[in-house]
Amino acid sequence: MKKRYLWLISAGWLCSGMVQALTLDEAKRQGRVGETLSGYIAPVKQDAETQDLVKRINMGRTEKYQEVADNNHIALDEVARLAGQKLVTRAPAGEYVRGINGQWLKK
């Protein structure tokens, strides 16, 4: 009986972590993060979950930008800047983007 109970608690704990993990799309829809011209997302809200998501997404983007930069023999910053311009331009209505002046705008 104890093993069964412990197994249920463990399974519930694992599933709750997966269910509660914030995704980038959810964070954008909730107005917690926004795209910037730098090619990276930035937090609009300053809670720990949002900060963790921003860190994780930006680390992944840096890796991808570096691959593109290496393959095309251009600087990482240039790839990130070009990506940032596209991401800000293509952001759908209702999402936040950071403008040239550093202020958040809701599209």
Protein backbone atom coordinates (compact mmCIF):
# COMPACT_ATOMS: atom_id res chain seq x y z
CA MET A 1 0.00 0.00 0.00
CA LYS A 2 2.84 2.41 0.87
CA LYS A 3 4.58 1.74 -2.47
CA ARG A 4 1.38 2.45 -4.34
CA TYR A 5 0.86 5.68 -2.43
CA LEU A 6 4.44 6.82 -3.02
CA TRP A 7 4.17 5.98 -6.72
CA LEU A 8 1.01 8.07 -7.05
CA ILE A 9 2.64 11.01 -5.29
CA SER A 10 5.72 10.77 -7.51
CA ALA A 11 3.66 10.52 -10.69
CA GLY A 12 1.52 13.45 -9.62
CA TRP A 13 4.57 15.55 -8.82
CA LEU A 14 6.16 14.81 -12.20
CA CYS A 15 2.97 15.52 -14.10
CA SER A 16 2.30 18.76 -12.24
CA GLY A 17 5.72 20.06 -13.26
CA MET A 18 5.05 19.29 -16.90
CA VAL A 19 1.58 20.78 -16.83
CA GLN A 20 2.69 23.94 -15.05
CA ALA A 21 5.74 24.66 -17.22
CA LEU A 22 5.19 27.99 -18.90
CA THR A 23 5.65 28.00 -22.68
CA LEU A 24 6.80 30.93 -24.78
CA ASP A 25 3.46 31.18 -26.58
CA GLU A 26 1.56 31.20 -23.28
CA ALA A 27 3.88 33.84 -21.85
CA LYS A 28 3.42 36.04 -24.92
CA ARG A 29 -0.37 35.68 -24.84
CA GLN A 30 -0.40 36.51 -21.13
CA GLY A 31 1.72 39.63 -21.70
CA ARG A 32 4.55 38.28 -19.54
CA VAL A 33 7.29 38.54 -22.20
CA GLY A 34 7.86 40.42 -25.41
CA GLU A 35 10.14 40.44 -28.42
CA THR A 36 12.94 42.96 -28.69
CA LEU A 37 14.99 44.25 -31.61
CA SER A 38 18.03 42.53 -30.12
CA GLY A 39 16.64 39.14 -31.18
CA TYR A 40 15.95 38.05 -27.64
CA ILE A 41 12.83 38.10 -25.52
CA ALA A 42 12.64 40.20 -22.40
CA PRO A 43 10.34 39.97 -19.41
CA VAL A 44 7.44 42.38 -19.16
CA LYS A 45 6.46 40.84 -15.80
CA GLN A 46 9.20 40.26 -13.26
CA ASP A 47 8.12 36.99 -11.58
CA ALA A 48 10.50 34.03 -11.17
CA GLU A 49 8.70 31.76 -13.64
CA THR A 50 8.87 34.41 -16.36
CA GLN A 51 12.54 35.12 -15.61
CA ASP A 52 13.34 31.41 -15.89
CA LEU A 53 11.52 31.16 -19.21
CA VAL A 54 13.34 34.21 -20.59
CA LYS A 55 16.70 32.78 -19.58
CA ARG A 56 15.93 29.38 -21.12
CA ILE A 57 14.55 30.77 -24.40
CA ASN A 58 17.39 33.26 -24.84
CA MET A 59 20.01 30.57 -24.23
CA GLY A 60 18.40 28.45 -26.95
CA ARG A 61 18.25 31.41 -29.31
CA THR A 62 21.91 32.20 -28.74
CA GLU A 63 22.82 28.65 -29.73
CA LYS A 64 20.72 28.84 -32.92
CA TYR A 65 22.00 32.30 -33.81
CA GLN A 66 25.57 31.09 -33.32
CA GLU A 67 24.96 28.18 -35.71
CA VAL A 68 23.61 30.55 -38.35
CA ALA A 69 26.47 32.99 -37.79
CA ASP A 70 29.08 30.24 -38.10
CA ASN A 71 27.49 28.82 -41.25
CA ASN A 72 27.34 32.24 -42.92
CA HIS A 73 30.59 33.69 -41.55
CA ILE A 74 28.91 36.68 -39.96
CA ALA A 75 28.81 37.98 -36.40
CA LEU A 76 26.41 36.56 -33.83
CA ASP A 77 25.11 40.06 -33.04
CA GLU A 78 24.23 40.63 -36.70
CA VAL A 79 22.20 37.40 -36.85
CA ALA A 80 20.43 38.28 -33.60
CA ARG A 81 19.66 41.81 -34.79
CA LEU A 82 18.18 40.56 -38.09
CA ALA A 83 16.11 37.96 -36.26
CA GLY A 84 14.93 40.58 -33.78
CA GLN A 85 13.70 42.87 -36.54
CA LYS A 86 11.72 40.02 -38.10
CA LEU A 87 10.30 38.81 -34.78
CA VAL A 88 9.18 42.30 -33.77
CA THR A 89 7.64 42.95 -37.19
CA ARG A 90 5.84 39.61 -37.25
CA ALA A 91 4.54 39.72 -33.68
CA PRO A 92 0.76 39.33 -33.78
CA ALA A 93 -1.70 41.84 -32.41
CA GLY A 94 -1.98 41.78 -28.64
CA GLU A 95 1.65 40.83 -27.97
CA TYR A 96 4.27 43.14 -26.51
CA VAL A 97 7.32 44.34 -28.43
CA ARG A 98 10.04 46.68 -27.24
CA GLY A 99 10.51 49.65 -29.54
CA ILE A 100 13.64 51.56 -30.47
CA ASN A 101 13.08 53.87 -27.50
CA GLY A 102 13.15 50.91 -25.10
CA GLN A 103 9.48 51.21 -24.21
CA TRP A 104 7.05 48.30 -24.41
CA LEU A 105 4.32 48.60 -27.01
CA LYS A 106 1.30 46.34 -27.29
CA LYS A 107 0.70 45.60 -30.96
